[in-house]
Every structure is written in C-alpha cells, then in structure tokens.
Amino acid sequence: MHNNSMNQNQNNYYSPKNFIKGKITELIFDQMFRKAGKFTVIPFGYENTLPEIAQYAHLAEYKQVLDNIRTAPDFALVSDDKREVFLVEVKYKTSHTDSEIKDIAIKIQEKWKLVRLFLATPEGFYFDSCSNIIKNGGRISPLGTAWVIDEIQKEYFELLKNFII
C-alpha cells in the first residue's frame, strides 16, 4: 500500500497539470521581473540549455556536466549595472510548510550554492535566498518591493489567479 501511494504522489507531481502550472509560474516570474525593469531576465534552466548539449549525452565524460545542467535554476537575473547576478529557481505551491520549503532549499543548495527561490502561492509571491530559508527553518520572505513594486506584483498575481488558482 505504501508503494501505491508513493507512485500516486509521483504521478501527481509529474502530471501534465502540474507541468503546465510550473510553466505558467515561470512565465509570470519572467514577465513580472522584465516589467519591473531592474534586471535583465535570462532563462537559465535545463530546458533552455540541454537541447544543444544533449547530442553529447552518449559521451561518458559529459555525464557530470549534464547532471549539473539538469538541476540548474530556472533563471538568472542580471542587475542593470551588471554588478549582481542572481540565479533563481521558480516554483508554484498550492500550499506549503516551512519544512517542505526548507527541504527544497537544501536540495537546490546541494548542487548550486547561491540560488534564490521564487515561490508563487494562492497567498502571494515569496522570494528569498536558499541560505536564508535554511537558516530560518524554512520560512521564506514575501517578494519585496525592492525587487518588484506592489503595483506590478498585484498585476501579475491577478494573472496567476486567472490561470492557476
């Protein structure tokens, strides 16, 4: 019985509906940060880099590189003055607990040290570094107005609600 429930959880996690929710969340992140105008938004995840590299997958020495790319964060944010670069993993969660968010942050940080987590939820947007999330026991800070002003956040939260919530 445990295996069946585990398989059901895995199937739910990888369902087409969840895949589409994730893509919508990535689009909302991308467009919201572009509109905020403080950063250049660069798609960074494996979906964007792997197709070009996949042709070398059969070569054993590239396995480690491909594994790293598969776990790459979804975006890079480059500040307008080019002095700061932030790697960002984007997630949508209908509900979440501090321990679940801490586990996600730990898993991300195992492969990529300096990554921020953007979390879209029915309550709003959250954005924090994985190191802060871990240090704070899984608490993630709301997306601050220093990143995206309230007006733009509200606009994109309405889009999130229209498409997902």
N, C-alpha and C. Protein backbone atom coordinates (compact mmCIF):
# COMPACT_ATOMS: atom_id res chain seq x y z
N MET A 1 0.82 -1.19 0.00
CA MET A 1 0.00 0.00 0.00
C MET A 1 0.86 1.25 0.00
N HIS A 2 1.95 1.23 0.74
CA HIS A 2 2.84 2.39 0.77
C HIS A 2 3.38 2.68 -0.63
N ASN A 3 3.78 1.66 -1.36
CA ASN A 3 4.31 1.86 -2.71
C ASN A 3 3.28 2.47 -3.64
N ASN A 4 2.02 2.02 -3.52
CA ASN A 4 0.98 2.59 -4.38
C ASN A 4 0.78 4.07 -4.11
N SER A 5 0.73 4.44 -2.83
CA SER A 5 0.55 5.86 -2.51
C SER A 5 1.76 6.66 -2.95
N MET A 6 2.95 6.06 -2.86
CA MET A 6 4.15 6.75 -3.30
C MET A 6 4.10 6.96 -4.82
N ASN A 7 3.69 5.93 -5.56
CA ASN A 7 3.58 6.06 -7.01
C ASN A 7 2.53 7.09 -7.38
N GLN A 8 1.42 7.12 -6.64
CA GLN A 8 0.40 8.12 -6.91
C GLN A 8 0.94 9.52 -6.68
N ASN A 9 1.70 9.70 -5.61
CA ASN A 9 2.30 11.01 -5.34
C ASN A 9 3.25 11.42 -6.46
N GLN A 10 4.06 10.46 -6.92
CA GLN A 10 4.98 10.76 -8.01
C GLN A 10 4.21 11.12 -9.27
N ASN A 11 3.13 10.36 -9.56
CA ASN A 11 2.33 10.65 -10.75
C ASN A 11 1.68 12.02 -10.64
N ASN A 12 1.20 12.39 -9.45
CA ASN A 12 0.60 13.71 -9.26
C ASN A 12 1.64 14.80 -9.44
N TYR A 13 2.84 14.56 -8.94
CA TYR A 13 3.90 15.55 -9.02
C TYR A 13 4.28 15.83 -10.48
N TYR A 14 4.31 14.78 -11.29
CA TYR A 14 4.73 14.92 -12.68
C TYR A 14 3.54 14.96 -13.64
N SER A 15 2.37 15.32 -13.16
CA SER A 15 1.19 15.35 -14.00
C SER A 15 1.29 16.49 -15.01
N PRO A 16 0.60 16.34 -16.13
CA PRO A 16 0.57 17.44 -17.11
C PRO A 16 0.04 18.74 -16.50
N LYS A 17 -0.93 18.63 -15.60
CA LYS A 17 -1.49 19.83 -14.96
C LYS A 17 -0.42 20.56 -14.15
N ASN A 18 0.37 19.82 -13.37
CA ASN A 18 1.43 20.45 -12.57
C ASN A 18 2.53 21.01 -13.47
N PHE A 19 2.82 20.31 -14.56
CA PHE A 19 3.82 20.80 -15.51
C PHE A 19 3.38 22.15 -16.08
N ILE A 20 2.11 22.25 -16.46
CA ILE A 20 1.58 23.48 -17.02
C ILE A 20 1.57 24.59 -15.96
N LYS A 21 1.19 24.26 -14.73
CA LYS A 21 1.24 25.26 -13.65
C LYS A 21 2.65 25.80 -13.48
N GLY A 22 3.64 24.90 -13.54
CA GLY A 22 5.03 25.32 -13.41
C GLY A 22 5.45 26.25 -14.52
N LYS A 23 5.05 25.93 -15.75
CA LYS A 23 5.40 26.78 -16.90
C LYS A 23 4.73 28.15 -16.80
N ILE A 24 3.47 28.17 -16.37
CA ILE A 24 2.78 29.45 -16.19
C ILE A 24 3.49 30.28 -15.13
N THR A 25 3.89 29.64 -14.04
CA THR A 25 4.59 30.34 -12.97
C THR A 25 5.91 30.91 -13.47
N GLU A 26 6.63 30.15 -14.28
CA GLU A 26 7.88 30.64 -14.85
C GLU A 26 7.62 31.85 -15.75
N LEU A 27 6.57 31.79 -16.57
CA LEU A 27 6.23 32.93 -17.43
C LEU A 27 5.86 34.17 -16.61
N ILE A 28 5.11 33.96 -15.54
CA ILE A 28 4.74 35.08 -14.68
C ILE A 28 5.98 35.70 -14.05
N PHE A 29 6.88 34.86 -13.53
CA PHE A 29 8.14 35.37 -12.96
C PHE A 29 8.89 36.18 -14.02
N ASP A 30 9.09 35.57 -15.19
CA ASP A 30 9.85 36.19 -16.27
C ASP A 30 9.26 37.55 -16.64
N GLN A 31 7.97 37.58 -16.93
CA GLN A 31 7.34 38.82 -17.38
C GLN A 31 7.26 39.88 -16.28
N MET A 32 7.01 39.44 -15.04
CA MET A 32 6.91 40.38 -13.93
C MET A 32 8.26 41.06 -13.69
N PHE A 33 9.35 40.28 -13.68
CA PHE A 33 10.67 40.88 -13.44
C PHE A 33 11.12 41.72 -14.64
N ARG A 34 10.74 41.32 -15.84
CA ARG A 34 11.06 42.16 -17.01
C ARG A 34 10.35 43.51 -16.90
N LYS A 35 9.06 43.47 -16.53
CA LYS A 35 8.29 44.71 -16.42
C LYS A 35 8.82 45.60 -15.29
N ALA A 36 9.31 44.99 -14.21
CA ALA A 36 9.87 45.76 -13.10
C ALA A 36 11.07 46.59 -13.58
N GLY A 37 11.79 46.09 -14.58
CA GLY A 37 12.83 46.86 -15.23
C GLY A 37 14.14 47.03 -14.49
N LYS A 38 14.34 46.28 -13.41
CA LYS A 38 15.58 46.42 -12.64
C LYS A 38 16.64 45.39 -13.02
N PHE A 39 16.22 44.37 -13.77
CA PHE A 39 17.11 43.27 -14.11
C PHE A 39 16.89 42.83 -15.54
N THR A 40 17.95 42.29 -16.12
CA THR A 40 17.82 41.52 -17.34
C THR A 40 17.48 40.10 -16.91
N VAL A 41 16.43 39.54 -17.48
CA VAL A 41 15.97 38.21 -17.11
C VAL A 41 16.45 37.24 -18.19
N ILE A 42 17.22 36.25 -17.76
CA ILE A 42 17.78 35.27 -18.70
C ILE A 42 17.28 33.88 -18.33
N PRO A 43 16.51 33.23 -19.21
CA PRO A 43 16.13 31.84 -18.94
C PRO A 43 17.41 31.01 -18.83
N PHE A 44 17.50 30.22 -17.78
CA PHE A 44 18.77 29.55 -17.46
C PHE A 44 18.61 28.05 -17.31
N GLY A 45 17.42 27.56 -17.09
CA GLY A 45 17.20 26.15 -16.76
C GLY A 45 17.58 25.20 -17.87
N TYR A 46 17.54 23.92 -17.53
CA TYR A 46 17.97 22.90 -18.48
C TYR A 46 17.13 22.89 -19.74
N GLU A 47 15.86 23.30 -19.66
CA GLU A 47 15.02 23.33 -20.85
C GLU A 47 15.61 24.24 -21.90
N ASN A 48 16.35 25.24 -21.46
CA ASN A 48 16.92 26.22 -22.38
C ASN A 48 18.32 25.87 -22.84
N THR A 49 19.03 25.06 -22.07
CA THR A 49 20.42 24.76 -22.43
C THR A 49 20.62 23.32 -22.88
N LEU A 50 19.82 22.40 -22.38
CA LEU A 50 20.04 20.98 -22.65
C LEU A 50 19.89 20.57 -24.11
N PRO A 51 18.93 21.09 -24.87
CA PRO A 51 18.79 20.63 -26.26
C PRO A 51 20.08 20.75 -27.06
N GLU A 52 20.83 21.82 -26.84
CA GLU A 52 22.08 22.00 -27.58
C GLU A 52 23.17 21.04 -27.11
N ILE A 53 23.11 20.65 -25.85
CA ILE A 53 24.16 19.81 -25.28
C ILE A 53 23.80 18.32 -25.33
N ALA A 54 22.53 18.00 -25.47
CA ALA A 54 22.06 16.61 -25.42
C ALA A 54 22.75 15.72 -26.45
N GLN A 55 23.18 16.29 -27.55
CA GLN A 55 23.84 15.49 -28.58
C GLN A 55 25.13 14.84 -28.08
N TYR A 56 25.65 15.34 -26.94
CA TYR A 56 26.88 14.77 -26.40
C TYR A 56 26.62 13.83 -25.23
N ALA A 57 25.36 13.52 -24.94
CA ALA A 57 25.00 12.73 -23.77
C ALA A 57 25.62 11.34 -23.78
N HIS A 58 25.87 10.81 -24.94
CA HIS A 58 26.43 9.45 -25.02
C HIS A 58 27.90 9.40 -24.61
N LEU A 59 28.55 10.53 -24.48
CA LEU A 59 29.95 10.56 -24.09
C LEU A 59 30.05 10.59 -22.56
N ALA A 60 30.68 9.57 -21.99
CA ALA A 60 30.69 9.38 -20.53
C ALA A 60 31.23 10.59 -19.77
N GLU A 61 32.26 11.25 -20.29
CA GLU A 61 32.86 12.33 -19.52
C GLU A 61 31.95 13.56 -19.39
N TYR A 62 30.88 13.61 -20.16
CA TYR A 62 29.96 14.73 -20.06
C TYR A 62 28.81 14.47 -19.09
N LYS A 63 28.75 13.27 -18.50
CA LYS A 63 27.64 12.92 -17.62
C LYS A 63 27.51 13.89 -16.45
N GLN A 64 28.59 14.22 -15.78
CA GLN A 64 28.55 15.14 -14.64
C GLN A 64 28.04 16.51 -15.07
N VAL A 65 28.50 16.98 -16.21
CA VAL A 65 28.06 18.28 -16.72
C VAL A 65 26.56 18.25 -16.99
N LEU A 66 26.09 17.19 -17.64
CA LEU A 66 24.66 17.08 -17.94
C LEU A 66 23.83 16.99 -16.67
N ASP A 67 24.32 16.26 -15.67
CA ASP A 67 23.61 16.17 -14.39
C ASP A 67 23.50 17.56 -13.74
N ASN A 68 24.57 18.33 -13.79
CA ASN A 68 24.54 19.69 -13.24
C ASN A 68 23.55 20.57 -13.99
N ILE A 69 23.52 20.44 -15.31
CA ILE A 69 22.61 21.25 -16.12
C ILE A 69 21.16 20.88 -15.82
N ARG A 70 20.89 19.59 -15.63
CA ARG A 70 19.52 19.15 -15.34
C ARG A 70 18.99 19.76 -14.04
N THR A 71 19.87 20.08 -13.12
CA THR A 71 19.43 20.66 -11.84
C THR A 71 19.62 22.17 -11.80
N ALA A 72 19.92 22.77 -12.95
CA ALA A 72 20.17 24.21 -12.99
C ALA A 72 18.93 25.01 -12.62
N PRO A 73 19.11 26.12 -11.92
CA PRO A 73 17.99 27.02 -11.63
C PRO A 73 17.33 27.50 -12.93
N ASP A 74 16.11 28.01 -12.81
CA ASP A 74 15.32 28.36 -13.98
C ASP A 74 15.76 29.66 -14.66
N PHE A 75 16.26 30.61 -13.88
CA PHE A 75 16.57 31.93 -14.42
C PHE A 75 17.83 32.51 -13.80
N ALA A 76 18.43 33.44 -14.54
CA ALA A 76 19.45 34.32 -13.99
C ALA A 76 18.90 35.74 -14.10
N LEU A 77 19.06 36.51 -13.04
CA LEU A 77 18.72 37.93 -13.04
C LEU A 77 20.03 38.70 -13.00
N VAL A 78 20.21 39.60 -13.96
CA VAL A 78 21.42 40.42 -14.00
C VAL A 78 20.99 41.86 -13.78
N SER A 79 21.58 42.49 -12.74
CA SER A 79 21.20 43.87 -12.43
C SER A 79 21.59 44.79 -13.58
N ASP A 80 20.87 45.91 -13.68
CA ASP A 80 21.12 46.85 -14.77
C ASP A 80 22.56 47.33 -14.81
N ASP A 81 23.17 47.49 -13.61
CA ASP A 81 24.57 47.94 -13.58
C ASP A 81 25.56 46.78 -13.79
N LYS A 82 25.02 45.58 -13.98
CA LYS A 82 25.80 44.36 -14.26
C LYS A 82 26.68 43.91 -13.10
N ARG A 83 26.49 44.48 -11.92
CA ARG A 83 27.32 44.12 -10.76
C ARG A 83 26.79 42.92 -9.99
N GLU A 84 25.50 42.60 -10.18
CA GLU A 84 24.91 41.49 -9.43
C GLU A 84 24.23 40.52 -10.38
N VAL A 85 24.41 39.25 -10.08
CA VAL A 85 23.74 38.19 -10.82
C VAL A 85 23.12 37.26 -9.79
N PHE A 86 21.84 36.97 -9.97
CA PHE A 86 21.13 36.07 -9.07
C PHE A 86 20.58 34.91 -9.88
N LEU A 87 20.85 33.70 -9.42
CA LEU A 87 20.23 32.51 -10.01
C LEU A 87 18.95 32.26 -9.23
N VAL A 88 17.88 31.90 -9.96
CA VAL A 88 16.56 31.78 -9.33
C VAL A 88 15.87 30.48 -9.76
N GLU A 89 15.42 29.73 -8.77
CA GLU A 89 14.57 28.58 -9.00
C GLU A 89 13.13 29.04 -8.77
N VAL A 90 12.23 28.69 -9.69
CA VAL A 90 10.84 29.14 -9.65
C VAL A 90 9.93 27.95 -9.36
N LYS A 91 9.04 28.11 -8.39
CA LYS A 91 8.11 27.04 -8.01
C LYS A 91 6.72 27.62 -7.78
N TYR A 92 5.72 26.78 -8.05
CA TYR A 92 4.34 27.08 -7.65
C TYR A 92 3.93 26.04 -6.62
N LYS A 93 3.33 26.50 -5.54
CA LYS A 93 2.83 25.59 -4.50
C LYS A 93 1.44 26.03 -4.10
N THR A 94 0.47 25.11 -4.17
CA THR A 94 -0.88 25.40 -3.71
C THR A 94 -0.87 25.64 -2.22
N SER A 95 -0.10 24.84 -1.53
CA SER A 95 0.12 25.02 -0.09
C SER A 95 1.53 24.54 0.21
N HIS A 96 2.06 24.99 1.33
CA HIS A 96 3.41 24.58 1.68
C HIS A 96 3.62 24.72 3.19
N THR A 97 4.60 23.97 3.66
CA THR A 97 5.01 24.08 5.05
C THR A 97 6.45 24.56 5.08
N ASP A 98 6.86 25.09 6.23
CA ASP A 98 8.25 25.52 6.38
C ASP A 98 9.20 24.36 6.12
N SER A 99 8.87 23.17 6.63
CA SER A 99 9.78 22.03 6.45
C SER A 99 9.88 21.64 4.97
N GLU A 100 8.78 21.74 4.23
CA GLU A 100 8.82 21.43 2.80
C GLU A 100 9.69 22.44 2.05
N ILE A 101 9.54 23.72 2.37
CA ILE A 101 10.34 24.76 1.71
C ILE A 101 11.81 24.63 2.09
N LYS A 102 12.07 24.28 3.34
CA LYS A 102 13.46 24.06 3.77
C LYS A 102 14.07 22.90 2.99
N ASP A 103 13.31 21.81 2.81
CA ASP A 103 13.81 20.66 2.04
C ASP A 103 14.13 21.05 0.60
N ILE A 104 13.26 21.86 -0.01
CA ILE A 104 13.50 22.32 -1.37
C ILE A 104 14.78 23.15 -1.42
N ALA A 105 14.95 24.06 -0.46
CA ALA A 105 16.14 24.92 -0.42
C ALA A 105 17.41 24.10 -0.23
N ILE A 106 17.35 23.10 0.64
CA ILE A 106 18.52 22.24 0.86
C ILE A 106 18.88 21.49 -0.42
N LYS A 107 17.88 20.95 -1.09
CA LYS A 107 18.13 20.19 -2.32
C LYS A 107 18.75 21.09 -3.40
N ILE A 108 18.24 22.30 -3.53
CA ILE A 108 18.81 23.24 -4.50
C ILE A 108 20.25 23.57 -4.15
N GLN A 109 20.49 23.84 -2.86
CA GLN A 109 21.81 24.28 -2.43
C GLN A 109 22.85 23.16 -2.48
N GLU A 110 22.42 21.91 -2.52
CA GLU A 110 23.38 20.81 -2.66
C GLU A 110 24.14 20.91 -3.97
N LYS A 111 23.48 21.39 -5.03
CA LYS A 111 24.11 21.49 -6.35
C LYS A 111 24.55 22.91 -6.70
N TRP A 112 23.78 23.90 -6.25
CA TRP A 112 24.01 25.29 -6.62
C TRP A 112 24.02 26.12 -5.35
N LYS A 113 25.14 26.70 -5.00
CA LYS A 113 25.30 27.35 -3.69
C LYS A 113 24.51 28.65 -3.52
N LEU A 114 24.54 29.50 -4.49
CA LEU A 114 23.96 30.84 -4.33
C LEU A 114 22.71 31.00 -5.21
N VAL A 115 21.62 30.40 -4.76
CA VAL A 115 20.38 30.44 -5.53
C VAL A 115 19.28 31.03 -4.66
N ARG A 116 18.41 31.79 -5.31
CA ARG A 116 17.21 32.32 -4.66
C ARG A 116 16.03 31.47 -5.10
N LEU A 117 15.04 31.37 -4.24
CA LEU A 117 13.82 30.63 -4.54
C LEU A 117 12.68 31.63 -4.68
N PHE A 118 12.00 31.58 -5.83
CA PHE A 118 10.78 32.35 -6.05
C PHE A 118 9.64 31.38 -5.92
N LEU A 119 8.71 31.70 -5.04
CA LEU A 119 7.58 30.82 -4.77
C LEU A 119 6.28 31.58 -5.03
N ALA A 120 5.46 31.06 -5.93
CA ALA A 120 4.14 31.62 -6.18
C ALA A 120 3.13 30.73 -5.48
N THR A 121 2.21 31.35 -4.73
CA THR A 121 1.19 30.61 -3.98
C THR A 121 -0.14 31.36 -4.09
N PRO A 122 -1.23 30.73 -3.66
CA PRO A 122 -2.51 31.45 -3.64
C PRO A 122 -2.51 32.66 -2.69
N GLU A 123 -1.53 32.73 -1.79
CA GLU A 123 -1.42 33.86 -0.85
C GLU A 123 -0.57 35.00 -1.40
N GLY A 124 0.26 34.72 -2.39
CA GLY A 124 1.13 35.75 -2.93
C GLY A 124 2.46 35.19 -3.39
N PHE A 125 3.40 36.10 -3.63
CA PHE A 125 4.73 35.75 -4.11
C PHE A 125 5.73 35.83 -2.96
N TYR A 126 6.68 34.91 -2.98
CA TYR A 126 7.76 34.87 -1.98
C TYR A 126 9.08 34.78 -2.73
N PHE A 127 10.14 35.32 -2.08
CA PHE A 127 11.44 35.36 -2.76
C PHE A 127 12.52 35.50 -1.71
N ASP A 128 13.43 34.53 -1.66
CA ASP A 128 14.49 34.58 -0.66
C ASP A 128 15.64 33.70 -1.11
N SER A 129 16.80 33.92 -0.53
CA SER A 129 17.94 33.05 -0.84
C SER A 129 17.74 31.71 -0.13
N CYS A 130 18.23 30.66 -0.76
CA CYS A 130 18.12 29.33 -0.15
C CYS A 130 18.84 29.30 1.19
N SER A 131 19.97 30.01 1.30
CA SER A 131 20.70 30.02 2.58
C SER A 131 19.86 30.66 3.68
N ASN A 132 19.15 31.75 3.38
CA ASN A 132 18.26 32.37 4.39
C ASN A 132 17.11 31.44 4.75
N ILE A 133 16.54 30.79 3.76
CA ILE A 133 15.43 29.87 4.01
C ILE A 133 15.88 28.76 4.96
N ILE A 134 17.03 28.19 4.70
CA ILE A 134 17.56 27.12 5.55
C ILE A 134 17.84 27.65 6.95
N LYS A 135 18.50 28.81 7.03
CA LYS A 135 18.85 29.42 8.32
C LYS A 135 17.59 29.72 9.14
N ASN A 136 16.50 30.09 8.45
CA ASN A 136 15.25 30.46 9.12
C ASN A 136 14.26 29.30 9.24
N GLY A 137 14.75 28.09 9.13
CA GLY A 137 13.91 26.92 9.35
C GLY A 137 12.83 26.70 8.31
N GLY A 138 13.03 27.24 7.11
CA GLY A 138 12.07 27.04 6.04
C GLY A 138 11.16 28.22 5.79
N ARG A 139 11.25 29.25 6.63
CA ARG A 139 10.45 30.46 6.37
C ARG A 139 11.04 31.19 5.16
N ILE A 140 10.15 31.60 4.28
CA ILE A 140 10.57 32.33 3.08
C ILE A 140 9.91 33.70 3.11
N SER A 141 10.68 34.72 2.79
CA SER A 141 10.19 36.10 2.85
C SER A 141 9.29 36.42 1.67
N PRO A 142 8.30 37.29 1.88
CA PRO A 142 7.50 37.76 0.74
C PRO A 142 8.39 38.50 -0.25
N LEU A 143 7.97 38.50 -1.52
CA LEU A 143 8.68 39.25 -2.55
C LEU A 143 8.59 40.73 -2.20
N GLY A 144 9.72 41.34 -1.94
CA GLY A 144 9.75 42.74 -1.50
C GLY A 144 9.62 43.72 -2.64
N THR A 145 9.24 44.92 -2.30
CA THR A 145 9.08 45.97 -3.31
C THR A 145 10.43 46.46 -3.84
N ALA A 146 11.51 46.15 -3.18
CA ALA A 146 12.83 46.48 -3.73
C ALA A 146 13.09 45.67 -5.00
N TRP A 147 12.45 44.51 -5.11
CA TRP A 147 12.60 43.66 -6.30
C TRP A 147 11.56 44.03 -7.36
N VAL A 148 10.29 44.09 -6.94
CA VAL A 148 9.18 44.38 -7.85
C VAL A 148 8.17 45.22 -7.08
N ILE A 149 7.82 46.39 -7.60
CA ILE A 149 6.89 47.27 -6.89
C ILE A 149 5.51 46.61 -6.76
N ASP A 150 4.77 47.06 -5.73
CA ASP A 150 3.46 46.47 -5.42
C ASP A 150 2.51 46.44 -6.61
N GLU A 151 2.44 47.52 -7.35
CA GLU A 151 1.51 47.62 -8.48
C GLU A 151 1.75 46.49 -9.49
N ILE A 152 3.01 46.24 -9.80
CA ILE A 152 3.34 45.18 -10.75
C ILE A 152 3.08 43.81 -10.13
N GLN A 153 3.42 43.64 -8.85
CA GLN A 153 3.13 42.38 -8.18
C GLN A 153 1.64 42.07 -8.21
N LYS A 154 0.81 43.07 -7.93
CA LYS A 154 -0.65 42.87 -7.94
C LYS A 154 -1.14 42.48 -9.32
N GLU A 155 -0.60 43.13 -10.35
CA GLU A 155 -0.99 42.82 -11.73
C GLU A 155 -0.69 41.35 -12.06
N TYR A 156 0.49 40.90 -11.70
CA TYR A 156 0.88 39.53 -12.05
C TYR A 156 0.26 38.49 -11.11
N PHE A 157 -0.08 38.90 -9.90
CA PHE A 157 -0.80 38.00 -9.02
C PHE A 157 -2.21 37.75 -9.56
N GLU A 158 -2.83 38.79 -10.14
CA GLU A 158 -4.14 38.60 -10.78
C GLU A 158 -4.03 37.62 -11.94
N LEU A 159 -2.97 37.71 -12.72
CA LEU A 159 -2.76 36.75 -13.80
C LEU A 159 -2.60 35.33 -13.25
N LEU A 160 -1.83 35.20 -12.18
CA LEU A 160 -1.65 33.89 -11.55
C LEU A 160 -3.01 33.33 -11.15
N LYS A 161 -3.83 34.16 -10.52
CA LYS A 161 -5.15 33.72 -10.08
C LYS A 161 -6.02 33.31 -11.28
N ASN A 162 -5.95 34.06 -12.37
CA ASN A 162 -6.75 33.75 -13.56
C ASN A 162 -6.36 32.42 -14.19
N PHE A 163 -5.08 32.12 -14.19
CA PHE A 163 -4.61 30.92 -14.88
C PHE A 163 -4.49 29.69 -14.00
N ILE A 164 -4.20 29.87 -12.72
CA ILE A 164 -3.89 28.72 -11.88
C ILE A 164 -4.83 28.56 -10.70
N ILE A 165 -5.00 29.60 -9.94
CA ILE A 165 -5.68 29.47 -8.64
C ILE A 165 -7.18 29.33 -8.82
